[in-house]
């Protein structure tokens, strides 16, 4: 009797009960996992390379701004906070014609760029670098102006 009532309710409501089997669901999940395993590493690698390229472009923009600052003032900004001199006029800059940059951006990984004058790699000028994806200094993923080609 219960079965007849259920069948009548289903027919009356016009609902047909067709569902996926467990095997079909597992097959679909396996295919999705396989595709994710193939596609995600390729996308991750592209994102990482795009971040490295963006960092190199930003370092090149810093170099241009620093060169312009040097032409105007006769020296490169001093100290670890020298990049701020590209945005705000320093006290000792008589011929400052900035701002040379609108703001000092962070690298694609959210870290500050590091500026040193005199530089360790460029003792006659300056070093500017990003700590790279790992955010740790002195590792092989660091990106500096001594590595970026003109």
N, C-alpha and C. Protein backbone atom coordinates (compact mmCIF):
# COMPACT_ATOMS: atom_id res chain seq x y z
N UNK A 1 0.81 -1.19 0.00
CA UNK A 1 0.00 0.00 0.00
C UNK A 1 0.87 1.26 0.00
N UNK A 2 1.92 1.22 0.81
CA UNK A 2 2.81 2.36 0.86
C UNK A 2 3.46 2.63 -0.50
N UNK A 3 3.84 1.59 -1.21
CA UNK A 3 4.48 1.74 -2.50
C UNK A 3 3.53 2.36 -3.50
N UNK A 4 2.28 1.96 -3.47
CA UNK A 4 1.30 2.53 -4.40
C UNK A 4 1.09 4.01 -4.12
N UNK A 5 1.04 4.39 -2.85
CA UNK A 5 0.88 5.80 -2.52
C UNK A 5 2.06 6.63 -3.02
N UNK A 6 3.25 6.11 -2.83
CA UNK A 6 4.44 6.83 -3.27
C UNK A 6 4.44 6.97 -4.78
N UNK A 7 4.13 5.91 -5.48
CA UNK A 7 4.09 5.96 -6.94
C UNK A 7 3.05 6.96 -7.41
N UNK A 8 1.89 6.99 -6.75
CA UNK A 8 0.85 7.94 -7.15
C UNK A 8 1.31 9.37 -6.91
N UNK A 9 1.96 9.62 -5.78
CA UNK A 9 2.43 10.97 -5.49
C UNK A 9 3.45 11.41 -6.52
N UNK A 10 4.32 10.50 -6.89
CA UNK A 10 5.34 10.84 -7.87
C UNK A 10 4.70 11.13 -9.21
N UNK A 11 3.74 10.30 -9.63
CA UNK A 11 3.08 10.52 -10.91
C UNK A 11 2.24 11.78 -10.89
N UNK A 12 1.58 12.03 -9.78
CA UNK A 12 0.73 13.20 -9.69
C UNK A 12 1.57 14.47 -9.74
N UNK A 13 2.67 14.44 -9.07
CA UNK A 13 3.53 15.62 -9.07
C UNK A 13 4.30 15.76 -10.37
N UNK A 14 4.34 14.74 -11.19
CA UNK A 14 5.04 14.78 -12.46
C UNK A 14 6.55 14.69 -12.32
N UNK A 15 7.02 14.15 -11.22
CA UNK A 15 8.45 14.06 -10.96
C UNK A 15 8.94 12.69 -11.38
N UNK A 16 9.99 12.66 -12.14
CA UNK A 16 10.59 11.37 -12.45
C UNK A 16 11.88 11.28 -11.66
N UNK A 17 12.08 10.19 -11.01
CA UNK A 17 13.25 10.04 -10.15
C UNK A 17 14.33 9.30 -10.90
N UNK A 18 15.26 10.06 -11.43
CA UNK A 18 16.43 9.49 -12.11
C UNK A 18 17.64 10.12 -11.44
N UNK A 19 18.56 9.35 -10.94
CA UNK A 19 19.73 9.87 -10.25
C UNK A 19 20.98 9.19 -10.79
N UNK A 20 22.13 9.80 -10.49
CA UNK A 20 23.40 9.21 -10.87
C UNK A 20 23.73 8.07 -9.92
N UNK A 21 24.36 7.06 -10.45
CA UNK A 21 24.79 5.96 -9.59
C UNK A 21 26.12 6.36 -8.93
N UNK A 22 26.47 5.64 -7.93
CA UNK A 22 27.72 5.91 -7.22
C UNK A 22 28.92 5.75 -8.16
N UNK A 23 28.89 4.79 -9.02
CA UNK A 23 29.98 4.56 -9.96
C UNK A 23 30.12 5.75 -10.92
N UNK A 24 29.00 6.27 -11.40
CA UNK A 24 29.05 7.43 -12.29
C UNK A 24 29.63 8.65 -11.58
N UNK A 25 29.22 8.85 -10.34
CA UNK A 25 29.73 9.98 -9.56
C UNK A 25 31.24 9.84 -9.34
N UNK A 26 31.70 8.65 -9.00
CA UNK A 26 33.13 8.43 -8.78
C UNK A 26 33.92 8.62 -10.07
N UNK A 27 33.36 8.22 -11.18
CA UNK A 27 34.02 8.39 -12.47
C UNK A 27 34.17 9.88 -12.79
N UNK A 28 33.14 10.66 -12.58
CA UNK A 28 33.20 12.10 -12.83
C UNK A 28 34.23 12.75 -11.91
N UNK A 29 34.24 12.39 -10.64
CA UNK A 29 35.21 12.94 -9.70
C UNK A 29 36.64 12.57 -10.09
N UNK A 30 36.84 11.36 -10.56
CA UNK A 30 38.17 10.94 -10.99
C UNK A 30 38.64 11.74 -12.20
N UNK A 31 37.75 11.99 -13.13
CA UNK A 31 38.10 12.78 -14.32
C UNK A 31 38.44 14.21 -13.91
N UNK A 32 37.65 14.80 -13.02
CA UNK A 32 37.92 16.17 -12.56
C UNK A 32 39.25 16.25 -11.82
N UNK A 33 39.54 15.26 -10.99
CA UNK A 33 40.81 15.24 -10.27
C UNK A 33 41.98 15.12 -11.24
N UNK A 34 41.84 14.31 -12.26
CA UNK A 34 42.88 14.15 -13.27
C UNK A 34 43.12 15.46 -14.01
N UNK A 35 42.05 16.13 -14.42
CA UNK A 35 42.19 17.41 -15.11
C UNK A 35 42.82 18.46 -14.20
N UNK A 36 42.41 18.50 -12.95
CA UNK A 36 43.00 19.45 -12.00
C UNK A 36 44.49 19.16 -11.82
N UNK A 37 44.86 17.91 -11.78
CA UNK A 37 46.26 17.53 -11.63
C UNK A 37 47.11 17.93 -12.82
N UNK A 38 46.51 18.03 -13.98
CA UNK A 38 47.24 18.44 -15.18
C UNK A 38 47.28 19.96 -15.31
N UNK A 39 46.16 20.61 -15.10
CA UNK A 39 46.02 22.03 -15.37
C UNK A 39 46.60 22.91 -14.27
N UNK A 40 46.36 22.60 -13.01
CA UNK A 40 46.78 23.48 -11.92
C UNK A 40 48.29 23.73 -11.86
N UNK A 41 49.13 22.71 -12.01
CA UNK A 41 50.57 23.02 -11.99
C UNK A 41 50.99 23.95 -13.12
N UNK A 42 50.37 23.83 -14.28
CA UNK A 42 50.72 24.72 -15.39
C UNK A 42 50.29 26.14 -15.10
N UNK A 43 49.11 26.32 -14.52
CA UNK A 43 48.65 27.66 -14.17
C UNK A 43 49.48 28.26 -13.06
N UNK A 44 49.87 27.46 -12.09
CA UNK A 44 50.69 27.95 -10.99
C UNK A 44 52.04 28.41 -11.51
N UNK A 45 52.63 27.67 -12.40
CA UNK A 45 53.91 28.06 -12.99
C UNK A 45 53.81 29.36 -13.77
N UNK A 46 52.73 29.55 -14.46
CA UNK A 46 52.51 30.79 -15.21
C UNK A 46 52.37 31.98 -14.27
N UNK A 47 51.66 31.79 -13.19
CA UNK A 47 51.46 32.86 -12.22
C UNK A 47 52.79 33.26 -11.60
N UNK A 48 53.59 32.28 -11.25
CA UNK A 48 54.89 32.55 -10.65
C UNK A 48 55.78 33.31 -11.62
N UNK A 49 55.80 32.89 -12.88
CA UNK A 49 56.63 33.57 -13.88
C UNK A 49 56.11 34.98 -14.14
N UNK A 50 54.80 35.17 -14.12
CA UNK A 50 54.22 36.50 -14.29
C UNK A 50 54.64 37.41 -13.13
N UNK A 51 54.68 36.89 -11.91
CA UNK A 51 55.13 37.68 -10.76
C UNK A 51 56.60 38.07 -10.89
N UNK A 52 57.42 37.14 -11.35
CA UNK A 52 58.85 37.44 -11.55
C UNK A 52 59.01 38.52 -12.62
N UNK A 53 58.26 38.41 -13.72
CA UNK A 53 58.34 39.40 -14.78
C UNK A 53 57.86 40.77 -14.30
N UNK A 54 56.79 40.79 -13.50
CA UNK A 54 56.29 42.06 -12.95
C UNK A 54 57.32 42.69 -12.02
N UNK A 55 58.02 41.87 -11.25
CA UNK A 55 59.06 42.38 -10.36
C UNK A 55 60.20 42.99 -11.15
N UNK A 56 60.62 42.32 -12.20
CA UNK A 56 61.69 42.87 -13.05
C UNK A 56 61.28 44.18 -13.69
N UNK A 57 60.02 44.28 -14.11
CA UNK A 57 59.53 45.52 -14.70
C UNK A 57 59.50 46.64 -13.66
N UNK A 58 59.10 46.32 -12.44
CA UNK A 58 59.06 47.33 -11.39
C UNK A 58 60.47 47.79 -11.02
N UNK A 59 61.42 46.87 -10.98
CA UNK A 59 62.81 47.25 -10.71
C UNK A 59 63.33 48.17 -11.81
N UNK A 60 62.97 47.88 -13.05
CA UNK A 60 63.36 48.75 -14.16
C UNK A 60 62.74 50.14 -14.01
N UNK A 61 61.50 50.22 -13.54
CA UNK A 61 60.86 51.52 -13.29
C UNK A 61 61.57 52.27 -12.17
N UNK A 62 61.96 51.55 -11.11
CA UNK A 62 62.74 52.17 -10.03
C UNK A 62 64.06 52.71 -10.57
N UNK A 63 64.72 51.92 -11.43
CA UNK A 63 66.00 52.35 -11.99
C UNK A 63 65.83 53.65 -12.77
N UNK A 64 64.78 53.75 -13.57
CA UNK A 64 64.52 54.97 -14.34
C UNK A 64 64.29 56.16 -13.41
N UNK A 65 63.48 55.96 -12.38
CA UNK A 65 63.20 57.04 -11.43
C UNK A 65 64.46 57.44 -10.68
N UNK A 66 65.27 56.47 -10.28
CA UNK A 66 66.50 56.76 -9.55
C UNK A 66 67.51 57.50 -10.44
N UNK A 67 67.60 57.11 -11.70
CA UNK A 67 68.50 57.79 -12.63
C UNK A 67 68.05 59.24 -12.83
N UNK A 68 66.75 59.47 -12.94
CA UNK A 68 66.23 60.83 -13.09
C UNK A 68 66.52 61.65 -11.84
N UNK A 69 66.32 61.05 -10.68
CA UNK A 69 66.65 61.71 -9.41
C UNK A 69 68.12 62.11 -9.40
N UNK A 70 68.98 61.20 -9.82
CA UNK A 70 70.42 61.45 -9.81
C UNK A 70 70.79 62.58 -10.78
N UNK A 71 70.17 62.62 -11.94
CA UNK A 71 70.44 63.70 -12.90
C UNK A 71 70.04 65.05 -12.30
N UNK A 72 68.88 65.09 -11.65
CA UNK A 72 68.38 66.35 -11.07
C UNK A 72 69.20 66.80 -9.87
N UNK A 73 69.62 65.86 -9.02
CA UNK A 73 70.23 66.21 -7.73
C UNK A 73 71.73 65.95 -7.63
N UNK A 74 72.28 65.20 -8.56
CA UNK A 74 73.72 64.92 -8.53
C UNK A 74 74.11 63.76 -7.65
N UNK A 75 73.17 63.07 -7.07
CA UNK A 75 73.47 61.91 -6.22
C UNK A 75 72.24 61.01 -6.18
N UNK A 76 72.44 59.75 -5.80
CA UNK A 76 71.34 58.82 -5.58
C UNK A 76 70.85 58.98 -4.14
N UNK A 77 69.59 58.68 -3.89
CA UNK A 77 69.11 58.74 -2.50
C UNK A 77 69.95 57.84 -1.60
N UNK A 78 70.11 58.26 -0.36
CA UNK A 78 70.94 57.51 0.59
C UNK A 78 70.09 56.67 1.53
N UNK A 79 70.71 55.64 2.08
CA UNK A 79 70.09 54.84 3.12
C UNK A 79 69.08 53.83 2.62
N UNK A 80 68.56 53.05 3.58
CA UNK A 80 67.60 51.99 3.25
C UNK A 80 66.23 52.56 2.88
N UNK A 81 65.92 53.78 3.34
CA UNK A 81 64.64 54.40 3.01
C UNK A 81 64.76 55.35 1.82
N UNK A 82 65.77 55.17 1.02
CA UNK A 82 66.03 56.06 -0.11
C UNK A 82 64.92 56.11 -1.14
N UNK A 83 64.14 55.04 -1.25
CA UNK A 83 63.06 55.05 -2.23
C UNK A 83 62.00 56.10 -1.88
N UNK A 84 61.86 56.43 -0.63
CA UNK A 84 60.91 57.48 -0.23
C UNK A 84 61.29 58.83 -0.83
N UNK A 85 62.58 59.03 -1.10
CA UNK A 85 63.03 60.28 -1.71
C UNK A 85 62.50 60.44 -3.13
N UNK A 86 62.03 59.36 -3.72
CA UNK A 86 61.44 59.45 -5.06
C UNK A 86 60.01 59.97 -5.00
N UNK A 87 59.40 59.90 -3.83
CA UNK A 87 58.01 60.32 -3.65
C UNK A 87 57.92 61.64 -2.89
N UNK A 88 58.75 61.79 -1.85
CA UNK A 88 58.76 62.98 -1.00
C UNK A 88 60.11 63.68 -1.13
N UNK A 89 60.09 65.00 -1.16
CA UNK A 89 61.33 65.75 -1.30
C UNK A 89 62.18 65.61 -0.04
N UNK A 90 63.43 65.16 -0.20
CA UNK A 90 64.33 65.10 0.96
C UNK A 90 64.84 66.50 1.31
N UNK A 91 65.27 66.67 2.54
CA UNK A 91 65.72 67.99 3.01
C UNK A 91 66.92 68.53 2.23
N UNK A 92 67.85 67.64 1.89
CA UNK A 92 69.09 68.09 1.26
C UNK A 92 69.04 68.17 -0.26
N UNK A 93 67.89 67.91 -0.87
CA UNK A 93 67.78 67.94 -2.33
C UNK A 93 67.37 69.34 -2.78
N UNK A 94 68.32 70.06 -3.37
CA UNK A 94 68.06 71.43 -3.81
C UNK A 94 67.32 71.46 -5.15
N UNK A 95 67.67 70.56 -6.04
CA UNK A 95 67.10 70.57 -7.39
C UNK A 95 66.06 69.46 -7.61
N UNK A 96 65.39 69.05 -6.55
CA UNK A 96 64.41 67.96 -6.63
C UNK A 96 63.25 68.39 -7.52
N UNK A 97 62.89 67.60 -8.52
CA UNK A 97 61.79 67.91 -9.43
C UNK A 97 60.76 66.79 -9.44
N UNK A 98 60.59 66.16 -8.31
CA UNK A 98 59.68 65.02 -8.20
C UNK A 98 58.25 65.44 -7.99
N UNK A 99 57.41 64.53 -7.68
CA UNK A 99 57.76 63.13 -7.37
C UNK A 99 58.12 62.35 -8.63
N UNK A 100 59.07 61.46 -8.45
CA UNK A 100 59.55 60.63 -9.55
C UNK A 100 58.71 59.37 -9.69
N UNK A 101 58.00 59.02 -8.64
CA UNK A 101 57.02 57.93 -8.63
C UNK A 101 55.79 58.41 -7.85
N UNK A 102 54.63 57.88 -8.17
CA UNK A 102 53.42 58.24 -7.43
C UNK A 102 53.44 57.64 -6.03
N UNK A 103 53.91 56.41 -5.92
CA UNK A 103 54.00 55.73 -4.63
C UNK A 103 55.05 54.64 -4.75
N UNK A 104 55.42 54.08 -3.61
CA UNK A 104 56.38 52.98 -3.58
C UNK A 104 55.57 51.68 -3.45
N UNK A 105 55.47 50.91 -4.52
CA UNK A 105 54.66 49.68 -4.45
C UNK A 105 55.39 48.57 -3.71
N UNK A 106 54.64 47.58 -3.32
CA UNK A 106 55.22 46.35 -2.77
C UNK A 106 55.42 45.38 -3.94
N UNK A 107 56.27 44.40 -3.74
CA UNK A 107 56.48 43.41 -4.79
C UNK A 107 55.24 42.52 -4.91
N UNK A 108 55.13 41.69 -5.94
CA UNK A 108 53.93 40.86 -6.13
C UNK A 108 53.62 39.91 -4.99
N UNK A 109 54.59 39.67 -4.11
CA UNK A 109 54.38 38.77 -2.98
C UNK A 109 54.05 39.55 -1.70
N UNK A 110 53.88 40.86 -1.82
CA UNK A 110 53.47 41.69 -0.69
C UNK A 110 54.61 42.18 0.19
N UNK A 111 55.84 42.04 -0.26
CA UNK A 111 57.00 42.49 0.51
C UNK A 111 57.50 43.83 -0.01
N UNK A 112 58.18 44.57 0.86
CA UNK A 112 58.80 45.83 0.44
C UNK A 112 60.02 45.54 -0.42
N UNK A 113 60.28 46.42 -1.38
CA UNK A 113 61.53 46.35 -2.13
C UNK A 113 62.64 46.87 -1.21
N UNK A 114 63.82 46.31 -1.37
CA UNK A 114 64.95 46.70 -0.53
C UNK A 114 65.90 47.54 -1.38
N UNK A 115 66.21 48.71 -0.87
CA UNK A 115 67.12 49.65 -1.54
C UNK A 115 68.31 49.90 -0.63
N UNK A 116 69.51 49.79 -1.18
CA UNK A 116 70.73 50.07 -0.41
C UNK A 116 71.68 50.89 -1.27
N UNK A 117 72.20 51.94 -0.66
CA UNK A 117 73.21 52.75 -1.32
C UNK A 117 74.29 53.06 -0.30
N UNK A 118 75.51 52.71 -0.53
CA UNK A 118 76.02 52.01 -1.70
C UNK A 118 75.60 50.55 -1.68
N UNK A 119 75.54 49.99 -2.86
CA UNK A 119 75.10 48.61 -2.96
C UNK A 119 76.22 47.60 -2.75
N UNK A 120 75.84 46.41 -2.34
CA UNK A 120 76.82 45.32 -2.20
C UNK A 120 77.24 44.81 -3.57
N UNK A 121 76.29 44.74 -4.49
CA UNK A 121 76.56 44.25 -5.85
C UNK A 121 77.00 45.38 -6.77
N UNK A 122 76.55 46.60 -6.49
CA UNK A 122 76.90 47.79 -7.27
C UNK A 122 77.48 48.83 -6.31
N UNK A 123 78.75 48.69 -5.91
CA UNK A 123 79.31 49.57 -4.88
C UNK A 123 79.40 51.03 -5.29
N UNK A 124 79.38 51.32 -6.58
CA UNK A 124 79.45 52.71 -7.03
C UNK A 124 78.08 53.36 -7.18
N UNK A 125 77.02 52.58 -7.02
CA UNK A 125 75.68 53.16 -7.12
C UNK A 125 74.78 52.56 -6.05
N UNK A 126 73.85 51.74 -6.42
CA UNK A 126 72.84 51.23 -5.47
C UNK A 126 72.41 49.83 -5.86
N UNK A 127 71.82 49.14 -4.90
CA UNK A 127 71.16 47.86 -5.14
C UNK A 127 69.68 48.05 -4.82
N UNK A 128 68.84 47.48 -5.65
CA UNK A 128 67.42 47.42 -5.35
C UNK A 128 66.97 46.01 -5.65
N UNK A 129 66.22 45.42 -4.71
CA UNK A 129 65.87 44.01 -4.88
C UNK A 129 64.54 43.66 -4.24
N UNK A 130 64.00 42.55 -4.72
CA UNK A 130 62.83 41.92 -4.12
C UNK A 130 63.31 40.61 -3.50
N UNK A 131 62.72 40.24 -2.39
CA UNK A 131 63.09 38.99 -1.74
C UNK A 131 62.51 37.77 -2.44
N UNK A 132 61.70 37.98 -3.46
CA UNK A 132 61.15 36.88 -4.24
C UNK A 132 60.03 36.15 -3.53
N UNK A 133 59.62 35.02 -4.08
CA UNK A 133 58.46 34.28 -3.55
C UNK A 133 58.61 33.82 -2.10
N UNK A 134 59.83 33.47 -1.68
CA UNK A 134 59.97 32.96 -0.32
C UNK A 134 60.06 34.06 0.74
N UNK A 135 60.28 35.31 0.32
CA UNK A 135 60.33 36.41 1.27
C UNK A 135 61.55 36.41 2.18
N UNK A 136 62.54 35.58 1.87
CA UNK A 136 63.76 35.46 2.69
C UNK A 136 64.95 36.08 1.96
N UNK A 137 65.80 36.84 2.67
CA UNK A 137 66.96 37.43 2.01
C UNK A 137 68.05 36.40 1.72
N UNK A 138 68.86 36.72 0.72
CA UNK A 138 70.03 35.92 0.36
C UNK A 138 69.69 34.50 -0.03
N UNK A 139 68.60 34.32 -0.77
CA UNK A 139 68.27 33.02 -1.33
C UNK A 139 68.29 33.14 -2.85
N UNK A 140 68.27 32.02 -3.53
CA UNK A 140 68.42 32.07 -4.98
C UNK A 140 67.22 32.62 -5.73
N UNK A 141 66.08 32.83 -5.05
CA UNK A 141 64.93 33.41 -5.75
C UNK A 141 64.85 34.93 -5.62
N UNK A 142 65.86 35.56 -4.97
CA UNK A 142 65.89 37.01 -4.88
C UNK A 142 66.06 37.61 -6.28
N UNK A 143 65.45 38.76 -6.51
CA UNK A 143 65.52 39.41 -7.82
C UNK A 143 66.07 40.81 -7.59
N UNK A 144 67.23 41.13 -8.21
CA UNK A 144 67.86 42.42 -7.99
C UNK A 144 68.21 43.12 -9.28
N UNK A 145 68.51 44.43 -9.17
CA UNK A 145 68.84 45.21 -10.37
C UNK A 145 70.15 44.77 -11.01
N UNK A 146 71.00 44.06 -10.30
CA UNK A 146 72.22 43.54 -10.90
C UNK A 146 71.95 42.33 -11.78
N UNK A 147 70.72 41.75 -11.67
CA UNK A 147 70.34 40.60 -12.50
C UNK A 147 69.50 40.99 -13.69
N UNK A 148 68.81 42.13 -13.59
CA UNK A 148 67.87 42.55 -14.63
C UNK A 148 68.65 43.19 -15.76
N UNK A 149 68.44 42.68 -16.97
CA UNK A 149 69.13 43.24 -18.14
C UNK A 149 68.39 44.48 -18.61
N UNK A 150 69.15 45.35 -19.26
CA UNK A 150 68.55 46.61 -19.73
C UNK A 150 67.76 46.40 -20.98
